[in-house]
């Protein structure tokens, strides 16, 4: 009788533990992925991560100023360790709770799919340099690997409403932007080819090939005009003037596409507001 009674009790305990674990898992998932407008904890977490990512970007820049980084090296190292611990915990929690989403529901393939999604790869790249330095301190290219820390800046898109809006606009206007990119590339190739054949005889060192002439085309089309390379023949100057005028539309074309995309997104939010995290209608 004692053994028979103990089994239901053990089952009840396991059931309560499973229920408690599921509640904790859903609580963490909601804080990380589905932050409502009235969710103070979720909003506090988003603001904390935005501040931490911003400080990491500032620290990354100031580490190249030796007058600051050398005297305060220990502070920079401690802050880097603290940041990596936070980012690692965040990555681990996202990995643990990802199967609450339907598309990652499978216990194995769902998590593999989650690991290889773009945002998850950014999360991994943001902490990878630290662990490579810890476990492989003698790597020859360890200095170049530190550049991957800039991936943390892209993490801010997960928490910033403005960055999410920009991502939606770029995604919605991707076909138009590809068309604009193709137009720019065509204009770049045509201008570089023409200036090469016009100026090569007079300036063989500067306009030695079409790829070398592309530098002049980029500088001219973008209206930068460094002045290090410029045509000297009459036809070359005429070509430079025409390309400079055409370059005015080079910047205006993608700018107009993005501006119209932002206007459409703002109008859509006003008429049909949705939660920026879960996508559900708010009205």
Protein backbone atom coordinates (compact mmCIF):
# COMPACT_ATOMS: atom_id res chain seq x y z
CA UNK A 1 0.00 0.00 0.00
CA UNK A 2 2.80 2.41 0.82
CA UNK A 3 4.49 1.75 -2.53
CA UNK A 4 1.18 2.17 -4.38
CA UNK A 5 0.50 5.53 -2.74
CA UNK A 6 4.02 6.82 -3.36
CA UNK A 7 3.77 6.36 -7.13
CA UNK A 8 0.84 8.76 -7.64
CA UNK A 9 2.63 11.28 -5.42
CA UNK A 10 5.84 11.03 -7.46
CA UNK A 11 3.84 11.38 -10.66
CA UNK A 12 2.08 14.45 -9.26
CA UNK A 13 5.43 15.98 -8.32
CA UNK A 14 6.82 15.36 -11.80
CA UNK A 15 3.68 16.83 -13.30
CA UNK A 16 3.99 19.96 -11.15
CA UNK A 17 7.66 20.31 -12.06
CA UNK A 18 6.86 19.95 -15.76
CA UNK A 19 4.09 22.54 -15.49
CA UNK A 20 6.35 24.95 -13.61
CA UNK A 21 9.11 24.48 -16.18
CA UNK A 22 6.68 25.17 -19.02
CA UNK A 23 5.46 28.33 -17.31
CA UNK A 24 9.03 29.54 -16.83
CA UNK A 25 9.83 28.69 -20.43
CA UNK A 26 6.83 30.57 -21.74
CA UNK A 27 7.58 33.52 -19.45
CA UNK A 28 11.13 33.76 -20.82
CA UNK A 29 9.89 33.35 -24.41
CA UNK A 30 7.34 36.13 -23.94
CA UNK A 31 9.97 38.44 -22.47
CA UNK A 32 12.41 37.76 -25.31
CA UNK A 33 10.16 37.50 -28.34
CA UNK A 34 6.66 38.82 -27.59
CA UNK A 35 6.94 42.07 -25.68
CA UNK A 36 3.51 43.71 -25.38
CA UNK A 37 3.10 47.46 -25.00
CA UNK A 38 2.05 47.03 -21.36
CA UNK A 39 4.77 44.46 -20.54
CA UNK A 40 7.09 46.48 -18.30
CA UNK A 41 9.60 43.66 -17.83
CA UNK A 42 9.86 42.99 -21.55
CA UNK A 43 10.26 46.68 -22.35
CA UNK A 44 12.88 47.02 -19.61
CA UNK A 45 14.79 44.06 -21.08
CA UNK A 46 14.66 45.60 -24.57
CA UNK A 47 15.91 48.96 -23.29
CA UNK A 48 18.68 47.25 -21.29
CA UNK A 49 19.86 45.32 -24.35
CA UNK A 50 19.78 48.46 -26.53
CA UNK A 51 21.89 50.30 -23.95
CA UNK A 52 24.33 47.38 -23.61
CA UNK A 53 24.75 47.04 -27.38
CA UNK A 54 25.27 50.80 -27.73
CA UNK A 55 27.91 50.80 -24.99
CA UNK A 56 29.64 47.85 -26.64
CA UNK A 57 29.83 49.76 -29.91
CA UNK A 58 31.30 52.80 -28.14
CA UNK A 59 33.80 50.61 -26.25
CA UNK A 60 34.83 48.88 -29.49
CA UNK A 61 35.63 52.27 -31.02
CA UNK A 62 37.52 53.64 -28.01
CA UNK A 63 39.66 50.51 -27.71
CA UNK A 64 41.48 51.76 -30.81
CA UNK A 65 42.43 54.96 -28.95
CA UNK A 66 45.54 53.78 -27.14
CA UNK A 67 45.64 56.82 -24.85
CA UNK A 68 42.36 55.53 -23.38
CA UNK A 69 42.44 51.77 -23.92
CA UNK A 70 45.88 51.09 -22.39
CA UNK A 71 45.37 52.82 -19.00
CA UNK A 72 41.84 51.42 -18.66
CA UNK A 73 42.47 48.03 -20.25
CA UNK A 74 41.15 46.11 -17.24
CA UNK A 75 37.87 48.04 -17.34
CA UNK A 76 37.43 47.29 -21.04
CA UNK A 77 38.19 43.60 -20.44
CA UNK A 78 35.74 43.37 -17.53
CA UNK A 79 33.01 45.09 -19.51
CA UNK A 80 33.63 42.73 -22.45
CA UNK A 81 33.37 39.70 -20.16
CA UNK A 82 30.16 41.01 -18.61
CA UNK A 83 28.66 41.71 -22.04
CA UNK A 84 29.56 38.27 -23.40
CA UNK A 85 28.00 36.60 -20.35
CA UNK A 86 24.75 38.53 -20.93
CA UNK A 87 24.73 37.80 -24.68
CA UNK A 88 25.51 34.13 -24.06
CA UNK A 89 22.68 33.77 -21.55
CA UNK A 90 20.33 35.51 -23.97
CA UNK A 91 21.39 33.21 -26.83
CA UNK A 92 20.98 30.12 -24.64
CA UNK A 93 17.50 31.21 -23.52
CA UNK A 94 16.42 31.88 -27.10
CA UNK A 95 17.73 28.46 -28.11
CA UNK A 96 15.86 26.81 -25.24
CA UNK A 97 12.53 28.53 -25.88
CA UNK A 98 12.58 28.59 -29.70
CA UNK A 99 10.45 25.44 -30.03
CA UNK A 100 7.48 27.35 -28.64
CA UNK A 101 7.20 28.87 -32.11
CA UNK A 102 5.39 26.67 -34.60
CA UNK A 103 8.09 26.80 -37.27
CA UNK A 104 10.70 25.58 -34.75
CA UNK A 105 8.44 23.03 -33.06
CA UNK A 106 10.49 19.95 -34.00
CA UNK A 107 12.84 19.10 -31.10
CA UNK A 108 15.87 18.57 -33.38
CA UNK A 109 15.33 20.07 -36.83
CA UNK A 110 13.46 23.00 -35.36
CA UNK A 111 16.46 24.04 -33.27
CA UNK A 112 18.84 23.46 -36.19
CA UNK A 113 16.65 25.72 -38.30
CA UNK A 114 16.65 28.28 -35.49
CA UNK A 115 20.46 28.26 -35.22
CA UNK A 116 20.90 29.03 -38.92
CA UNK A 117 18.39 31.87 -39.17
CA UNK A 118 20.05 35.28 -39.77
CA UNK A 119 19.35 36.79 -36.35
CA UNK A 120 20.66 33.69 -34.58
CA UNK A 121 23.84 33.77 -36.65
CA UNK A 122 24.31 37.41 -35.67
CA UNK A 123 23.88 36.44 -32.01
CA UNK A 124 26.52 33.73 -32.42
CA UNK A 125 28.98 35.98 -34.24
CA UNK A 126 28.66 38.62 -31.53
CA UNK A 127 30.08 36.27 -28.87
CA UNK A 128 32.35 34.11 -31.05
CA UNK A 129 35.48 36.38 -30.91
CA UNK A 130 35.58 36.28 -27.11
CA UNK A 131 35.49 32.48 -26.90
CA UNK A 132 38.00 32.07 -29.71
CA UNK A 133 40.37 34.36 -27.85
CA UNK A 134 39.86 32.43 -24.59
CA UNK A 135 40.35 28.95 -26.05
CA UNK A 136 42.75 29.79 -28.89
CA UNK A 137 44.79 32.81 -27.72
CA UNK A 138 47.63 32.11 -30.16
CA UNK A 139 45.60 32.37 -33.33
CA UNK A 140 47.45 34.44 -35.92
CA UNK A 141 44.32 36.24 -37.14
CA UNK A 142 42.80 36.81 -33.68
CA UNK A 143 43.04 40.59 -34.16
CA UNK A 144 40.96 40.42 -37.35
CA UNK A 145 38.39 38.18 -35.62
CA UNK A 146 37.69 40.97 -33.14
CA UNK A 147 36.06 42.84 -36.01
CA UNK A 148 33.17 40.36 -35.69
CA UNK A 149 32.21 42.17 -32.48
CA UNK A 150 30.55 44.73 -34.73
CA UNK A 151 27.86 42.09 -35.30
CA UNK A 152 26.47 43.21 -31.94
CA UNK A 153 25.39 46.42 -33.59
CA UNK A 154 23.02 44.43 -35.83
CA UNK A 155 21.45 42.84 -32.75
CA UNK A 156 19.86 46.18 -31.96
CA UNK A 157 17.40 45.60 -34.79
CA UNK A 158 15.75 42.96 -32.62
CA UNK A 159 14.86 45.52 -29.93
CA UNK A 160 14.53 48.82 -31.81
CA UNK A 161 11.20 49.75 -33.40
CA UNK A 162 12.96 52.06 -35.87
CA UNK A 163 15.32 49.33 -37.06
CA UNK A 164 12.46 46.88 -37.45
CA UNK A 165 10.58 49.44 -39.53
CA UNK A 166 13.64 49.93 -41.74
CA UNK A 167 13.91 46.18 -42.21
CA UNK A 168 10.25 45.94 -43.22
CA UNK A 169 10.64 48.79 -45.71
CA UNK A 170 13.76 47.27 -47.30
CA UNK A 171 12.04 43.88 -47.50
CA UNK A 172 8.89 45.35 -49.06
CA UNK A 173 10.85 47.40 -51.60
CA UNK A 174 13.55 44.82 -52.32
CA UNK A 175 12.51 44.33 -55.95
CA UNK A 176 12.57 48.07 -56.63
CA UNK A 177 15.92 48.38 -54.86
CA UNK A 178 17.35 45.54 -56.95
CA UNK A 179 16.19 47.34 -60.09
CA UNK A 180 17.85 50.54 -58.87
CA UNK A 181 21.04 48.63 -58.05
CA UNK A 182 21.11 47.12 -61.54
CA UNK A 183 20.65 50.60 -63.04
CA UNK A 184 23.52 51.97 -60.95
CA UNK A 185 25.80 49.07 -61.92
CA UNK A 186 24.98 49.56 -65.61
CA UNK A 187 25.72 53.28 -65.42
CA UNK A 188 28.96 52.54 -63.55
CA UNK A 189 30.15 50.07 -66.18
CA UNK A 190 29.23 52.33 -69.11
CA UNK A 191 30.92 55.41 -67.62
CA UNK A 192 34.07 53.48 -66.62
CA UNK A 193 34.35 51.95 -70.08
CA UNK A 194 33.87 55.27 -71.90
CA UNK A 195 36.35 57.19 -69.76
CA UNK A 196 38.90 54.39 -70.17
CA UNK A 197 38.83 54.58 -73.96
CA UNK A 198 38.85 58.40 -73.90
CA UNK A 199 41.61 58.96 -71.29
CA UNK A 200 43.81 55.86 -71.53
CA UNK A 201 46.10 57.32 -74.16
CA UNK A 202 46.65 60.56 -72.22
CA UNK A 203 46.82 59.07 -68.70
CA UNK A 204 47.82 55.38 -68.98
CA UNK A 205 48.81 55.19 -65.30
CA UNK A 206 45.55 56.52 -63.87
CA UNK A 207 43.18 54.96 -66.42
CA UNK A 208 45.11 51.73 -66.93
CA UNK A 209 42.03 49.50 -67.24
CA UNK A 210 38.25 49.53 -66.94
CA UNK A 211 38.32 48.22 -63.33
CA UNK A 212 40.81 50.97 -62.44
CA UNK A 213 38.57 53.55 -64.14
CA UNK A 214 35.65 52.46 -61.94
CA UNK A 215 37.15 54.42 -59.05
CA UNK A 216 36.76 57.65 -61.01
CA UNK A 217 33.23 56.63 -62.03
CA UNK A 218 32.17 55.93 -58.43
CA UNK A 219 33.63 59.21 -57.16
CA UNK A 220 32.00 61.17 -59.99
CA UNK A 221 28.59 59.46 -59.92
CA UNK A 222 28.28 59.97 -56.17
CA UNK A 223 29.31 63.66 -56.51
CA UNK A 224 32.20 63.17 -54.07
CA UNK A 225 34.96 64.42 -56.38
CA UNK A 226 38.19 63.70 -54.48
CA UNK A 227 40.25 65.17 -57.31
CA UNK A 228 42.93 62.47 -57.27
CA UNK A 229 41.81 61.19 -60.69
CA UNK A 230 40.19 63.39 -63.33
CA UNK A 231 39.99 63.64 -67.15
CA UNK A 232 42.21 66.10 -68.99
CA UNK A 233 41.12 65.65 -72.61
CA UNK A 234 38.21 67.70 -74.05
CA UNK A 235 36.10 64.60 -74.64
CA UNK A 236 36.97 63.33 -71.18
CA UNK A 237 35.85 66.59 -69.56
CA UNK A 238 32.61 66.53 -71.55
CA UNK A 239 32.02 62.94 -70.47
CA UNK A 240 32.78 63.88 -66.86
CA UNK A 241 30.17 66.65 -66.95
CA UNK A 242 27.50 64.36 -68.38
CA UNK A 243 28.24 61.63 -65.84
CA UNK A 244 28.17 64.15 -62.97
CA UNK A 245 24.67 65.24 -64.00
CA UNK A 246 23.52 61.64 -64.32
CA UNK A 247 24.97 60.97 -60.90
CA UNK A 248 22.38 63.27 -59.32
CA UNK A 249 19.76 60.63 -60.04
CA UNK A 250 22.02 57.91 -58.63
CA UNK A 251 21.33 59.01 -55.06
CA UNK A 252 17.77 60.20 -55.69
CA UNK A 253 16.59 56.86 -57.09
CA UNK A 254 17.08 54.59 -54.02
CA UNK A 255 16.32 57.50 -51.70
CA UNK A 256 12.93 58.00 -53.34
CA UNK A 257 12.20 54.26 -53.14
CA UNK A 258 12.98 54.13 -49.41
CA UNK A 259 11.08 57.36 -48.74
CA UNK A 260 7.93 56.01 -50.42
CA UNK A 261 8.36 52.76 -48.51
CA UNK A 262 8.53 54.60 -45.19
CA UNK A 263 5.44 56.62 -46.07
CA UNK A 264 3.52 53.45 -46.92
CA UNK A 265 4.65 51.73 -43.70
CA UNK A 266 3.64 54.70 -41.55
CA UNK A 267 0.24 54.84 -43.26
CA UNK A 268 -0.22 51.09 -42.78
CA UNK A 269 0.56 51.36 -39.06
CA UNK A 270 -1.96 54.16 -38.63
CA UNK A 271 -4.77 52.32 -40.41
CA UNK A 272 -3.93 48.79 -39.26
CA UNK A 273 -1.69 48.84 -36.16
CA UNK A 274 -0.01 45.59 -35.14
CA UNK A 275 2.30 44.45 -32.37
CA UNK A 276 5.90 44.92 -33.58
CA UNK A 277 6.94 41.58 -32.03
CA UNK A 278 4.12 39.10 -32.59
CA UNK A 279 2.41 40.80 -35.53
CA UNK A 280 -1.07 40.57 -33.99
CA UNK A 281 -3.58 43.37 -34.57
CA UNK A 282 -3.80 45.79 -31.65
CA UNK A 283 -7.26 47.10 -32.47
